[in-house]
Amino acid sequence: MKKMDRRNYLMRMGTGAAGLIGASASNIFGQKTKQKTNQTTSKDIRMRAPARNPKTGGVLNWPVTPDFPSQTPFVTGFFAGLIGFCYDEDNRFIQVGFHPGVGEHKFEIYIYKRTGPKCDLIKGPFTPTSKDLEFGLKSGGPGPSVFQTAGPFDRNRIGYPYDYDFRWLPDLDSSDFYPENYQKFARYPIKLNVTDGTFYTRVHTSATFKLVDADKTDCNTEIRDFGHVAMYMAVAIDTQSTVFLTEAESLKWEPGVSYHVVFRNECDGCKFDKDDCNEAKRNDFHFNRKVVKVPGSRMKYGLRLKEPGCTGTGCPALDFCYPDPQRGNDEAPCMGSGFGQTSGFA
C-alpha cells in the first residue's frame, strides 16, 4: 500500500486530516521525517519538556477502516498483556511484539473452538518454538486494518461503537507522546505478523489515568488527563477460508463454528501499588515506553491512576473465550502500546 493511496483513501472517507487525529500534518499520513530536538544537559529542562499542545493521535501509519468489526467472525484473535503493535506498510501486515518484561511475563497461546456461547479449548496453553509467527489467510487477503470511529478521539467518552475504537491503545509515536518518531530498542523477542483482519479494542479500562513525569519523585502532578486505556485488543478475521497460525496450526472453515485464538502475555503473580511513585511498581506501561530511545531533552512519560475503576470480581466477566473469565486489573493494567510510525520491530 502506497502512502499517497492511503491518503486518498482516507480523504475519500470524508474524515479529513483534522478529524482523523488532530495531530500535526507532519505525521498524519506516516511521513517519516524526524524532527530535531533541543539537546541539553539540564535535568530541569528535561523534566519540563512535554510535547506542545498535544492532542490524541493514533492513526499515523495505520490503515484505517470505518467499518465496525464483526463480533462473530470465523476467527478472532485476542491480545492480552505486555504487547507492542506496529504496521509494516511495505509488507502490509500488522506486527505484534511480545515483551518479556524482566522475565516475569509468560507468552502463551490458547485456541478455542466456539459453538454458540460454548468455549472448548482444543489446544493450549503452548508457546511456539519459532520466534517469528504469522496469522492470516493462506491464500492472501486484503490486508489488515484498524477500526476507527469518525472524528477526533476523546479518551473520556464511552459507549457503542466508540468503546471498540482502536485508539484506546496508547500510541507512543503519536502526538500524545513522541511524534518525533525516535528510534526503538529491540525489546520484543517473539513477533507475530498478522496479515488480515480488522483490529479493534475489545475491552478498555473502567479506570482513568493521567500522564505524569516518570522522573519526578512526587508523581502526583498531572501533566494532562489521559482517560481510559485499552486492556484487551482483538482482530476479527471474517472469512470462509482457512486461517493459519504457523505452518503446523490451521483453522479450516466450517459453517456454524468459530475460533477464538488468545495471545496472552500477562504476569500472573505480579503485585502493583497504584499509588507508588516508582513507575515500575505502579503498572507495566514503562516497559513499552522504554522501547523508545527517548533523548535526555524529552520528558519520560508515565501513566498513573486518576479515577478508580472496577477491580477483581467487581468487573464484568469477559465475553470471549479466555483462561480466566474475570478481566485483569483495571487500575494497573498489564497493557499494550502502539507504535504508529514504526515499520517493524527490530
C-alpha atoms as a PDB file:
ATOM      1  CA  MET A   1       0.000   0.000   0.000  1.00  0.00           C
ATOM      2  CA  LYS A   2       1.492   3.314  -1.084  1.00  0.00           C
ATOM      3  CA  LYS A   3       1.344   6.334   1.182  1.00  0.00           C
ATOM      4  CA  MET A   4      -0.492   8.505  -1.341  1.00  0.00           C
ATOM      5  CA  ASP A   5      -3.012   5.755  -1.981  1.00  0.00           C
ATOM      6  CA  ARG A   6      -3.812   5.556   1.713  1.00  0.00           C
ATOM      7  CA  ARG A   7      -4.115   9.316   1.966  1.00  0.00           C
ATOM      8  CA  ASN A   8      -6.535   9.425  -0.939  1.00  0.00           C
ATOM      9  CA  TYR A   9      -8.492   6.576   0.635  1.00  0.00           C
ATOM     10  CA  LEU A  10      -8.765   8.412   3.926  1.00  0.00           C
ATOM     11  CA  MET A  11      -9.765  11.632   2.215  1.00  0.00           C
ATOM     12  CA  ARG A  12     -12.481   9.783   0.297  1.00  0.00           C
ATOM     13  CA  MET A  13     -13.808   8.558   3.638  1.00  0.00           C
ATOM     14  CA  GLY A  14     -14.615  12.189   4.342  1.00  0.00           C
ATOM     15  CA  THR A  15     -12.881  12.275   7.687  1.00  0.00           C
ATOM     16  CA  GLY A  16     -10.244  14.870   6.845  1.00  0.00           C
ATOM     17  CA  ALA A  17      -6.878  15.288   8.496  1.00  0.00           C
ATOM     18  CA  ALA A  18      -8.124  17.271  11.458  1.00  0.00           C
ATOM     19  CA  GLY A  19     -10.907  14.828  12.183  1.00  0.00           C
ATOM     20  CA  LEU A  20      -8.619  11.835  11.955  1.00  0.00           C
ATOM     21  CA  ILE A  21      -6.199  12.521  14.717  1.00  0.00           C
ATOM     22  CA  GLY A  22      -5.997  16.203  15.470  1.00  0.00           C
ATOM     23  CA  ALA A  23      -2.238  15.896  15.207  1.00  0.00           C
ATOM     24  CA  SER A  24       0.253  17.920  13.209  1.00  0.00           C
ATOM     25  CA  ALA A  25       0.176  17.479   9.433  1.00  0.00           C
ATOM     26  CA  SER A  26       3.752  16.227   9.507  1.00  0.00           C
ATOM     27  CA  ASN A  27       2.740  12.846  10.931  1.00  0.00           C
ATOM     28  CA  ILE A  28      -0.895  12.309   9.925  1.00  0.00           C
ATOM     29  CA  PHE A  29      -0.071  10.217   6.876  1.00  0.00           C
ATOM     30  CA  GLY A  30       3.001   8.474   8.219  1.00  0.00           C
ATOM     31  CA  GLN A  31       5.731  10.789   6.940  1.00  0.00           C
ATOM     32  CA  LYS A  32       8.975   9.612   8.441  1.00  0.00           C
ATOM     33  CA  THR A  33      10.961  12.852   8.710  1.00  0.00           C
ATOM     34  CA  LYS A  34      12.323  13.154  12.215  1.00  0.00           C
ATOM     35  CA  GLN A  35      12.074  16.471  13.965  1.00  0.00           C
ATOM     36  CA  LYS A  36      15.177  17.887  15.578  1.00  0.00           C
ATOM     37  CA  THR A  37      15.046  18.048  19.332  1.00  0.00           C
ATOM     38  CA  ASN A  38      16.603  20.654  21.554  1.00  0.00           C
ATOM     39  CA  GLN A  39      19.683  18.973  23.025  1.00  0.00           C
ATOM     40  CA  THR A  40      20.525  19.967  26.571  1.00  0.00           C
ATOM     41  CA  THR A  41      22.217  18.515  29.589  1.00  0.00           C
ATOM     42  CA  SER A  42      19.920  20.251  32.041  1.00  0.00           C
ATOM     43  CA  LYS A  43      17.836  17.774  34.015  1.00  0.00           C
ATOM     44  CA  ASP A  44      15.419  20.557  34.938  1.00  0.00           C
ATOM     45  CA  ILE A  45      14.703  21.267  31.253  1.00  0.00           C
ATOM     46  CA  ARG A  46      14.381  17.553  30.516  1.00  0.00           C
ATOM     47  CA  MET A  47      11.737  17.229  33.199  1.00  0.00           C
ATOM     48  CA  ARG A  48       9.784  20.160  31.760  1.00  0.00           C
ATOM     49  CA  ALA A  49       9.731  19.297  28.073  1.00  0.00           C
ATOM     50  CA  PRO A  50       6.452  17.605  27.177  1.00  0.00           C
ATOM     51  CA  ALA A  51       5.107  17.834  23.624  1.00  0.00           C
ATOM     52  CA  ARG A  52       3.480  21.182  22.837  1.00  0.00           C
ATOM     53  CA  ASN A  53      -0.322  21.321  22.608  1.00  0.00           C
ATOM     54  CA  PRO A  54      -0.741  17.559  22.242  1.00  0.00           C
ATOM     55  CA  LYS A  55      -3.945  16.024  21.004  1.00  0.00           C
ATOM     56  CA  THR A  56      -4.884  12.377  20.926  1.00  0.00           C
ATOM     57  CA  GLY A  57      -3.395  10.653  17.889  1.00  0.00           C
ATOM     58  CA  GLY A  58      -3.372   7.062  16.811  1.00  0.00           C
ATOM     59  CA  VAL A  59      -3.775   6.936  13.022  1.00  0.00           C
ATOM     60  CA  LEU A  60      -0.300   7.730  11.734  1.00  0.00           C
ATOM     61  CA  ASN A  61       0.746   4.773   9.548  1.00  0.00           C
ATOM     62  CA  TRP A  62      -2.215   2.560  10.468  1.00  0.00           C
ATOM     63  CA  PRO A  63      -4.526   1.538   7.574  1.00  0.00           C
ATOM     64  CA  VAL A  64      -7.914   2.733   8.846  1.00  0.00           C
ATOM     65  CA  THR A  65     -11.435   1.419   8.257  1.00  0.00           C
ATOM     66  CA  PRO A  66     -14.743   2.970   9.411  1.00  0.00           C
ATOM     67  CA  ASP A  67     -16.471  -0.421   9.128  1.00  0.00           C
ATOM     68  CA  PHE A  68     -17.390  -1.883  12.507  1.00  0.00           C
ATOM     69  CA  PRO A  69     -15.578  -5.203  13.052  1.00  0.00           C
ATOM     70  CA  SER A  70     -17.658  -8.369  13.093  1.00  0.00           C
ATOM     71  CA  GLN A  71     -18.217  -9.680  16.607  1.00  0.00           C
ATOM     72  CA  THR A  72     -18.909 -13.185  15.274  1.00  0.00           C
ATOM     73  CA  PRO A  73     -16.295 -13.742  12.550  1.00  0.00           C
ATOM     74  CA  PHE A  74     -14.816 -17.121  11.682  1.00  0.00           C
ATOM     75  CA  VAL A  75     -11.640 -16.333  13.680  1.00  0.00           C
ATOM     76  CA  THR A  76     -10.957 -13.714  16.344  1.00  0.00           C
ATOM     77  CA  GLY A  77      -7.505 -13.161  17.793  1.00  0.00           C
ATOM     78  CA  PHE A  78      -7.340 -11.662  21.288  1.00  0.00           C
ATOM     79  CA  PHE A  79      -4.269  -9.934  22.713  1.00  0.00           C
ATOM     80  CA  ALA A  80      -3.661  -9.521  26.428  1.00  0.00           C
ATOM     81  CA  GLY A  81      -0.691  -8.286  28.384  1.00  0.00           C
ATOM     82  CA  LEU A  82       2.596  -6.581  27.647  1.00  0.00           C
ATOM     83  CA  ILE A  83       2.442  -6.236  23.868  1.00  0.00           C
ATOM     84  CA  GLY A  84       3.524  -3.750  21.178  1.00  0.00           C
ATOM     85  CA  PHE A  85       1.769  -3.124  17.842  1.00  0.00           C
ATOM     86  CA  CYS A  86       3.122  -1.526  14.653  1.00  0.00           C
ATOM     87  CA  TYR A  87       2.306  -1.559  10.922  1.00  0.00           C
ATOM     88  CA  ASP A  88       4.739  -2.666   8.219  1.00  0.00           C
ATOM     89  CA  GLU A  89       3.448  -0.715   5.226  1.00  0.00           C
ATOM     90  CA  ASP A  90       5.887  -2.325   2.768  1.00  0.00           C
ATOM     91  CA  ASN A  91       4.790  -5.871   3.556  1.00  0.00           C
ATOM     92  CA  ARG A  92       1.231  -4.933   4.599  1.00  0.00           C
ATOM     93  CA  PHE A  93       0.950  -6.651   7.934  1.00  0.00           C
ATOM     94  CA  ILE A  94       0.458  -5.502  11.498  1.00  0.00           C
ATOM     95  CA  GLN A  95       3.299  -6.785  13.639  1.00  0.00           C
ATOM     96  CA  VAL A  96       2.642  -7.714  17.247  1.00  0.00           C
ATOM     97  CA  GLY A  97       5.599  -7.994  19.625  1.00  0.00           C
ATOM     98  CA  PHE A  98       5.533  -9.756  22.989  1.00  0.00           C
ATOM     99  CA  HIS A  99       7.663  -8.112  25.709  1.00  0.00           C
ATOM    100  CA  PRO A 100       9.161 -10.368  28.420  1.00  0.00           C
ATOM    101  CA  GLY A 101       9.261  -7.555  30.986  1.00  0.00           C
ATOM    102  CA  VAL A 102      12.052  -8.588  33.331  1.00  0.00           C
ATOM    103  CA  GLY A 103      11.281 -12.243  32.772  1.00  0.00           C
ATOM    104  CA  GLU A 104       8.015 -12.485  34.684  1.00  0.00           C
ATOM    105  CA  HIS A 105       5.678 -12.235  31.667  1.00  0.00           C
ATOM    106  CA  LYS A 106       4.843 -15.597  30.122  1.00  0.00           C
ATOM    107  CA  PHE A 107       3.736 -15.738  26.498  1.00  0.00           C
ATOM    108  CA  GLU A 108       1.155 -18.442  25.796  1.00  0.00           C
ATOM    109  CA  ILE A 109      -1.328 -19.222  23.029  1.00  0.00           C
ATOM    110  CA  TYR A 110      -4.763 -20.780  23.564  1.00  0.00           C
ATOM    111  CA  ILE A 111      -7.028 -21.981  20.742  1.00  0.00           C
ATOM    112  CA  TYR A 112     -10.738 -22.308  21.489  1.00  0.00           C
ATOM    113  CA  LYS A 113     -13.455 -23.738  19.276  1.00  0.00           C
ATOM    114  CA  ARG A 114     -16.685 -21.865  19.849  1.00  0.00           C
ATOM    115  CA  THR A 115     -20.144 -23.167  19.071  1.00  0.00           C
ATOM    116  CA  GLY A 116     -22.770 -20.688  20.222  1.00  0.00           C
ATOM    117  CA  PRO A 117     -21.717 -19.463  23.701  1.00  0.00           C
ATOM    118  CA  LYS A 118     -19.706 -22.624  24.463  1.00  0.00           C
ATOM    119  CA  CYS A 119     -15.890 -22.459  24.546  1.00  0.00           C
ATOM    120  CA  ASP A 120     -13.934 -25.684  24.020  1.00  0.00           C
ATOM    121  CA  LEU A 121     -10.165 -25.455  24.487  1.00  0.00           C
ATOM    122  CA  ILE A 122      -8.699 -27.523  21.647  1.00  0.00           C
ATOM    123  CA  LYS A 123      -5.056 -26.585  22.162  1.00  0.00           C
ATOM    124  CA  GLY A 124      -3.011 -24.768  24.757  1.00  0.00           C
ATOM    125  CA  PRO A 125      -1.569 -23.205  26.567  1.00  0.00           C
ATOM    126  CA  PHE A 126       1.511 -23.523  24.384  1.00  0.00           C
ATOM    127  CA  THR A 127       4.483 -21.372  23.488  1.00  0.00           C
ATOM    128  CA  PRO A 128       5.600 -21.739  19.873  1.00  0.00           C
ATOM    129  CA  THR A 129       9.196 -22.741  19.207  1.00  0.00           C
ATOM    130  CA  SER A 130       9.576 -20.161  16.429  1.00  0.00           C
ATOM    131  CA  LYS A 131      10.253 -16.528  17.329  1.00  0.00           C
ATOM    132  CA  ASP A 132       8.538 -15.302  14.137  1.00  0.00           C
ATOM    133  CA  LEU A 133       4.869 -16.233  13.697  1.00  0.00           C
ATOM    134  CA  GLU A 134       2.239 -15.456  11.062  1.00  0.00           C
ATOM    135  CA  PHE A 135      -1.524 -15.259  11.432  1.00  0.00           C
ATOM    136  CA  GLY A 136      -3.882 -14.803   8.497  1.00  0.00           C
ATOM    137  CA  LEU A 137      -5.287 -16.273   5.306  1.00  0.00           C
ATOM    138  CA  LYS A 138      -3.394 -18.977   3.482  1.00  0.00           C
ATOM    139  CA  SER A 139      -4.361 -17.595   0.079  1.00  0.00           C
ATOM    140  CA  GLY A 140      -3.685 -13.980   0.953  1.00  0.00           C
ATOM    141  CA  GLY A 141      -6.355 -11.409   1.683  1.00  0.00           C
ATOM    142  CA  PRO A 142      -6.887  -7.639   1.520  1.00  0.00           C
ATOM    143  CA  GLY A 143      -4.509  -6.974   4.409  1.00  0.00           C
ATOM    144  CA  PRO A 144      -5.230  -5.757   7.950  1.00  0.00           C
ATOM    145  CA  SER A 145      -6.797  -2.507   9.062  1.00  0.00           C
ATOM    146  CA  VAL A 146      -7.736  -0.795  12.323  1.00  0.00           C
ATOM    147  CA  PHE A 147     -11.254   0.286  13.233  1.00  0.00           C
ATOM    148  CA  GLN A 148     -11.739   3.977  13.919  1.00  0.00           C
ATOM    149  CA  THR A 149     -14.884   5.987  14.526  1.00  0.00           C
ATOM    150  CA  ALA A 150     -15.376   9.261  12.686  1.00  0.00           C
ATOM    151  CA  GLY A 151     -13.973  12.489  14.065  1.00  0.00           C
ATOM    152  CA  PRO A 152     -11.449  13.348  16.779  1.00  0.00           C
ATOM    153  CA  PHE A 153     -10.962  10.920  19.643  1.00  0.00           C
ATOM    154  CA  ASP A 154     -11.952  11.696  23.235  1.00  0.00           C
ATOM    155  CA  ARG A 155     -10.388   9.357  25.813  1.00  0.00           C
ATOM    156  CA  ASN A 156     -13.159  10.069  28.323  1.00  0.00           C
ATOM    157  CA  ARG A 157     -16.069   9.367  26.005  1.00  0.00           C
ATOM    158  CA  ILE A 158     -17.514   5.849  26.152  1.00  0.00           C
ATOM    159  CA  GLY A 159     -20.389   3.969  24.526  1.00  0.00           C
ATOM    160  CA  TYR A 160     -21.124   1.996  21.372  1.00  0.00           C
ATOM    161  CA  PRO A 161     -19.381   1.953  18.892  1.00  0.00           C
ATOM    162  CA  TYR A 162     -16.772   4.215  20.495  1.00  0.00           C
ATOM    163  CA  ASP A 163     -15.739   1.525  23.000  1.00  0.00           C
ATOM    164  CA  TYR A 164     -14.264  -0.538  20.158  1.00  0.00           C
ATOM    165  CA  ASP A 165     -12.126   2.207  18.612  1.00  0.00           C
ATOM    166  CA  PHE A 166      -8.510   1.144  18.083  1.00  0.00           C
ATOM    167  CA  ARG A 167      -7.259   4.428  19.562  1.00  0.00           C
ATOM    168  CA  TRP A 168      -7.821   3.338  23.166  1.00  0.00           C
ATOM    169  CA  LEU A 169      -4.419   1.717  22.610  1.00  0.00           C
ATOM    170  CA  PRO A 170      -1.823   4.362  23.637  1.00  0.00           C
ATOM    171  CA  ASP A 171       0.316   5.158  20.588  1.00  0.00           C
ATOM    172  CA  LEU A 172       3.840   6.098  21.631  1.00  0.00           C
ATOM    173  CA  ASP A 173       4.652   7.519  18.184  1.00  0.00           C
ATOM    174  CA  SER A 174       1.673   9.892  18.287  1.00  0.00           C
ATOM    175  CA  SER A 175       1.477  13.478  19.476  1.00  0.00           C
ATOM    176  CA  ASP A 176       0.307  12.178  22.849  1.00  0.00           C
ATOM    177  CA  PHE A 177       3.869  11.025  23.467  1.00  0.00           C
ATOM    178  CA  TYR A 178       6.767  11.159  20.960  1.00  0.00           C
ATOM    179  CA  PRO A 179       5.730  12.292  17.450  1.00  0.00           C
ATOM    180  CA  GLU A 180       9.425  12.788  16.631  1.00  0.00           C
ATOM    181  CA  ASN A 181       9.484   9.060  15.777  1.00  0.00           C
ATOM    182  CA  TYR A 182      12.564   8.232  17.797  1.00  0.00           C
ATOM    183  CA  GLN A 183      14.435   5.011  17.108  1.00  0.00           C
ATOM    184  CA  LYS A 184      13.443   1.882  19.013  1.00  0.00           C
ATOM    185  CA  PHE A 185      15.311  -0.693  21.081  1.00  0.00           C
ATOM    186  CA  ALA A 186      14.906  -4.388  20.279  1.00  0.00           C
ATOM    187  CA  ARG A 187      12.674  -5.493  23.143  1.00  0.00           C
ATOM    188  CA  TYR A 188      10.218  -7.907  21.515  1.00  0.00           C
ATOM    189  CA  PRO A 189      11.905 -11.304  21.063  1.00  0.00           C
ATOM    190  CA  ILE A 190       8.724 -13.018  19.782  1.00  0.00           C
ATOM    191  CA  LYS A 191       6.855 -11.349  16.928  1.00  0.00           C
ATOM    192  CA  LEU A 192       3.585 -12.163  15.200  1.00  0.00           C
ATOM    193  CA  ASN A 193       2.783 -10.861  11.708  1.00  0.00           C
ATOM    194  CA  VAL A 194      -0.990 -10.506  11.239  1.00  0.00           C
ATOM    195  CA  THR A 195      -1.742 -10.351   7.539  1.00  0.00           C
ATOM    196  CA  ASP A 196      -5.557  -9.958   7.608  1.00  0.00           C
ATOM    197  CA  GLY A 197      -8.460  -8.767   9.704  1.00  0.00           C
ATOM    198  CA  THR A 198      -9.799  -5.698  11.472  1.00  0.00           C
ATOM    199  CA  PHE A 199      -8.034  -4.698  14.684  1.00  0.00           C
ATOM    200  CA  TYR A 200     -10.024  -3.022  17.440  1.00  0.00           C
ATOM    201  CA  THR A 201     -10.188  -2.577  21.207  1.00  0.00           C
ATOM    202  CA  ARG A 202     -12.213  -5.374  22.750  1.00  0.00           C
ATOM    203  CA  VAL A 203     -12.147  -4.064  26.349  1.00  0.00           C
ATOM    204  CA  HIS A 204     -10.851  -0.766  27.720  1.00  0.00           C
ATOM    205  CA  THR A 205     -10.344   0.055  31.386  1.00  0.00           C
ATOM    206  CA  SER A 206     -13.139   1.429  33.518  1.00  0.00           C
ATOM    207  CA  ALA A 207     -10.445   3.334  35.418  1.00  0.00           C
ATOM    208  CA  THR A 208      -8.967   6.536  34.002  1.00  0.00           C
ATOM    209  CA  PHE A 209      -5.352   7.686  34.010  1.00  0.00           C
ATOM    210  CA  LYS A 210      -3.187  10.778  33.866  1.00  0.00           C
ATOM    211  CA  LEU A 211       0.193  11.398  32.316  1.00  0.00           C
ATOM    212  CA  VAL A 212       2.956  12.212  34.796  1.00  0.00           C
ATOM    213  CA  ASP A 213       6.703  12.794  34.659  1.00  0.00           C
ATOM    214  CA  ALA A 214       8.253   9.399  35.366  1.00  0.00           C
ATOM    215  CA  ASP A 215      11.458  11.027  36.663  1.00  0.00           C
ATOM    216  CA  LYS A 216       9.792  13.028  39.416  1.00  0.00           C
ATOM    217  CA  THR A 217       9.868  11.553  42.908  1.00  0.00           C
ATOM    218  CA  ASP A 218       6.492  13.245  43.515  1.00  0.00           C
ATOM    219  CA  CYS A 219       4.247  11.697  40.860  1.00  0.00           C
ATOM    220  CA  ASN A 220       1.028  13.448  41.864  1.00  0.00           C
ATOM    221  CA  THR A 221       1.403  16.357  39.432  1.00  0.00           C
ATOM    222  CA  GLU A 222      -0.734  15.767  36.370  1.00  0.00           C
ATOM    223  CA  ILE A 223       0.765  16.817  33.033  1.00  0.00           C
ATOM    224  CA  ARG A 224      -2.573  16.157  31.393  1.00  0.00           C
ATOM    225  CA  ASP A 225      -5.555  13.865  31.595  1.00  0.00           C
ATOM    226  CA  PHE A 226      -5.291  10.618  29.601  1.00  0.00           C
ATOM    227  CA  GLY A 227      -8.647   8.949  30.235  1.00  0.00           C
ATOM    228  CA  HIS A 228      -9.199   5.236  29.644  1.00  0.00           C
ATOM    229  CA  VAL A 229      -6.688   2.850  28.046  1.00  0.00           C
ATOM    230  CA  ALA A 230      -7.049  -0.463  26.231  1.00  0.00           C
ATOM    231  CA  MET A 231      -6.901  -3.699  28.237  1.00  0.00           C
ATOM    232  CA  TYR A 232      -7.643  -6.335  25.573  1.00  0.00           C
ATOM    233  CA  MET A 233      -7.134  -5.851  21.844  1.00  0.00           C
ATOM    234  CA  ALA A 234      -8.653  -8.051  19.159  1.00  0.00           C
ATOM    235  CA  VAL A 235      -8.544  -8.760  15.426  1.00  0.00           C
ATOM    236  CA  ALA A 236     -11.603 -10.057  13.548  1.00  0.00           C
ATOM    237  CA  ILE A 237     -10.827 -12.239  10.531  1.00  0.00           C
ATOM    238  CA  ASP A 238     -14.187 -12.569   8.806  1.00  0.00           C
ATOM    239  CA  THR A 239     -13.699 -15.178   6.093  1.00  0.00           C
ATOM    240  CA  GLN A 240     -14.800 -18.577   4.855  1.00  0.00           C
ATOM    241  CA  SER A 241     -11.237 -19.609   4.075  1.00  0.00           C
ATOM    242  CA  THR A 242      -8.565 -21.427   6.059  1.00  0.00           C
ATOM    243  CA  VAL A 243      -6.789 -19.243   8.620  1.00  0.00           C
ATOM    244  CA  PHE A 244      -3.296 -20.285   9.609  1.00  0.00           C
ATOM    245  CA  LEU A 245      -1.134 -19.741  12.658  1.00  0.00           C
ATOM    246  CA  THR A 246       2.333 -21.127  11.847  1.00  0.00           C
ATOM    247  CA  GLU A 247       2.662 -23.991   9.387  1.00  0.00           C
ATOM    248  CA  ALA A 248       1.530 -26.519  11.991  1.00  0.00           C
ATOM    249  CA  GLU A 249      -1.672 -24.746  13.043  1.00  0.00           C
ATOM    250  CA  SER A 250      -4.521 -24.189  10.576  1.00  0.00           C
ATOM    251  CA  LEU A 251      -8.173 -23.439  11.265  1.00  0.00           C
ATOM    252  CA  LYS A 252     -10.412 -24.769   8.487  1.00  0.00           C
ATOM    253  CA  TRP A 253     -13.705 -23.019   7.949  1.00  0.00           C
ATOM    254  CA  GLU A 254     -16.942 -24.880   8.622  1.00  0.00           C
ATOM    255  CA  PRO A 255     -20.446 -23.439   8.991  1.00  0.00           C
ATOM    256  CA  GLY A 256     -21.691 -22.669  12.500  1.00  0.00           C
ATOM    257  CA  VAL A 257     -18.217 -22.817  14.053  1.00  0.00           C
ATOM    258  CA  SER A 258     -15.847 -20.032  15.045  1.00  0.00           C
ATOM    259  CA  TYR A 259     -12.497 -19.898  16.772  1.00  0.00           C
ATOM    260  CA  HIS A 260     -11.002 -17.654  19.438  1.00  0.00           C
ATOM    261  CA  VAL A 261      -7.207 -17.564  19.473  1.00  0.00           C
ATOM    262  CA  VAL A 262      -5.808 -15.945  22.614  1.00  0.00           C
ATOM    263  CA  PHE A 263      -2.293 -14.485  22.631  1.00  0.00           C
ATOM    264  CA  ARG A 264      -1.634 -13.992  26.328  1.00  0.00           C
ATOM    265  CA  ASN A 265       1.457 -12.266  27.706  1.00  0.00           C
ATOM    266  CA  GLU A 266       0.422 -11.460  31.262  1.00  0.00           C
ATOM    267  CA  CYS A 267       2.177 -11.675  34.608  1.00  0.00           C
ATOM    268  CA  ASP A 268       0.066 -13.882  36.860  1.00  0.00           C
ATOM    269  CA  GLY A 269       1.973 -13.247  40.093  1.00  0.00           C
ATOM    270  CA  CYS A 270       2.743  -9.529  39.791  1.00  0.00           C
ATOM    271  CA  LYS A 271       1.560  -7.177  42.526  1.00  0.00           C
ATOM    272  CA  PHE A 272       1.159  -3.456  41.924  1.00  0.00           C
ATOM    273  CA  ASP A 273       0.545  -0.420  44.089  1.00  0.00           C
ATOM    274  CA  LYS A 274      -1.437   2.117  42.081  1.00  0.00           C
ATOM    275  CA  ASP A 275      -0.202   4.939  44.345  1.00  0.00           C
ATOM    276  CA  ASP A 276       3.531   4.140  44.244  1.00  0.00           C
ATOM    277  CA  CYS A 277       5.661   6.869  42.652  1.00  0.00           C
ATOM    278  CA  ASN A 278       8.094   4.239  41.393  1.00  0.00           C
ATOM    279  CA  GLU A 279       6.538   3.598  37.978  1.00  0.00           C
ATOM    280  CA  ALA A 280       7.823   0.006  37.884  1.00  0.00           C
ATOM    281  CA  LYS A 281       5.719  -0.755  40.979  1.00  0.00           C
ATOM    282  CA  ARG A 282       2.626   1.016  39.640  1.00  0.00           C
ATOM    283  CA  ASN A 283       1.867  -0.679  36.287  1.00  0.00           C
ATOM    284  CA  ASP A 284       3.598  -2.098  33.197  1.00  0.00           C
ATOM    285  CA  PHE A 285       3.375   0.934  30.909  1.00  0.00           C
ATOM    286  CA  HIS A 286       7.050   1.772  31.453  1.00  0.00           C
ATOM    287  CA  PHE A 287       8.235  -1.381  29.651  1.00  0.00           C
ATOM    288  CA  ASN A 288       6.767  -0.295  26.319  1.00  0.00           C
ATOM    289  CA  ARG A 289       7.828   3.329  26.782  1.00  0.00           C
ATOM    290  CA  LYS A 290      11.404   2.177  27.330  1.00  0.00           C
ATOM    291  CA  VAL A 291      11.332   0.627  23.854  1.00  0.00           C
ATOM    292  CA  VAL A 292      11.539   4.219  22.587  1.00  0.00           C
ATOM    293  CA  LYS A 293      15.020   5.788  22.579  1.00  0.00           C
ATOM    294  CA  VAL A 294      13.837   8.956  24.285  1.00  0.00           C
ATOM    295  CA  PRO A 295      16.627  11.590  24.388  1.00  0.00           C
ATOM    296  CA  GLY A 296      17.579  13.305  27.612  1.00  0.00           C
ATOM    297  CA  SER A 297      15.909  16.538  26.468  1.00  0.00           C
ATOM    298  CA  ARG A 298      12.455  14.964  26.457  1.00  0.00           C
ATOM    299  CA  MET A 299      10.168  14.029  29.291  1.00  0.00           C
ATOM    300  CA  LYS A 300       9.818  10.377  30.245  1.00  0.00           C
ATOM    301  CA  TYR A 301       6.066   9.919  30.371  1.00  0.00           C
ATOM    302  CA  GLY A 302       4.447   7.647  32.925  1.00  0.00           C
ATOM    303  CA  LEU A 303       0.828   6.655  33.496  1.00  0.00           C
ATOM    304  CA  ARG A 304      -0.742   6.973  36.917  1.00  0.00           C
ATOM    305  CA  LEU A 305      -4.255   6.162  38.076  1.00  0.00           C
ATOM    306  CA  LYS A 306      -6.606   9.144  38.130  1.00  0.00           C
ATOM    307  CA  GLU A 307     -10.069   7.742  38.879  1.00  0.00           C
ATOM    308  CA  PRO A 308     -10.530   4.178  40.180  1.00  0.00           C
ATOM    309  CA  GLY A 309     -12.450   1.605  38.196  1.00  0.00           C
ATOM    310  CA  CYS A 310     -13.743  -1.875  38.872  1.00  0.00           C
ATOM    311  CA  THR A 311     -11.474  -4.462  40.479  1.00  0.00           C
ATOM    312  CA  GLY A 312     -11.483  -8.260  40.572  1.00  0.00           C
ATOM    313  CA  THR A 313     -14.903  -9.845  40.779  1.00  0.00           C
ATOM    314  CA  GLY A 314     -16.455  -6.379  40.683  1.00  0.00           C
ATOM    315  CA  CYS A 315     -15.642  -6.169  36.964  1.00  0.00           C
ATOM    316  CA  PRO A 316     -17.917  -7.622  34.282  1.00  0.00           C
ATOM    317  CA  ALA A 317     -16.866 -11.070  33.100  1.00  0.00           C
ATOM    318  CA  LEU A 318     -15.134 -11.253  29.740  1.00  0.00           C
ATOM    319  CA  ASP A 319     -17.458 -12.060  26.848  1.00  0.00           C
ATOM    320  CA  PHE A 320     -14.937 -14.116  24.880  1.00  0.00           C
ATOM    321  CA  CYS A 321     -13.062 -17.374  25.396  1.00  0.00           C
ATOM    322  CA  TYR A 322     -10.238 -16.813  27.848  1.00  0.00           C
ATOM    323  CA  PRO A 323      -8.380 -18.838  30.514  1.00  0.00           C
ATOM    324  CA  ASP A 324      -9.815 -16.617  33.259  1.00  0.00           C
ATOM    325  CA  PRO A 325     -13.354 -15.245  32.823  1.00  0.00           C
ATOM    326  CA  GLN A 326     -12.535 -12.317  35.129  1.00  0.00           C
ATOM    327  CA  ARG A 327     -10.722  -9.423  33.479  1.00  0.00           C
ATOM    328  CA  GLY A 328      -7.362  -8.161  34.658  1.00  0.00           C
ATOM    329  CA  ASN A 329      -6.635  -5.262  36.988  1.00  0.00           C
ATOM    330  CA  ASP A 330      -8.277  -2.120  35.593  1.00  0.00           C
ATOM    331  CA  GLU A 331      -6.234   0.124  37.872  1.00  0.00           C
ATOM    332  CA  ALA A 332      -2.821  -1.342  36.974  1.00  0.00           C
ATOM    333  CA  PRO A 333      -3.340  -2.921  33.552  1.00  0.00           C
ATOM    334  CA  CYS A 334      -0.716  -5.184  32.028  1.00  0.00           C
ATOM    335  CA  MET A 335      -1.004  -3.189  28.862  1.00  0.00           C
ATOM    336  CA  GLY A 336      -0.176  -2.899  25.200  1.00  0.00           C
ATOM    337  CA  SER A 337       1.062   0.114  23.265  1.00  0.00           C
ATOM    338  CA  GLY A 338       1.046   1.137  19.619  1.00  0.00           C
ATOM    339  CA  PHE A 339       3.957   2.486  17.572  1.00  0.00           C
ATOM    340  CA  GLY A 340       2.214   4.173  14.675  1.00  0.00           C
ATOM    341  CA  GLN A 341       5.306   5.431  12.829  1.00  0.00           C
ATOM    342  CA  THR A 342       7.351   2.264  13.322  1.00  0.00           C
ATOM    343  CA  SER A 343       7.553  -0.164  10.392  1.00  0.00           C
ATOM    344  CA  GLY A 344       8.536  -3.406  12.087  1.00  0.00           C
ATOM    345  CA  PHE A 345      10.264  -4.189  15.386  1.00  0.00           C
ATOM    346  CA  ALA A 346      13.977  -4.921  15.454  1.00  0.00           C
END
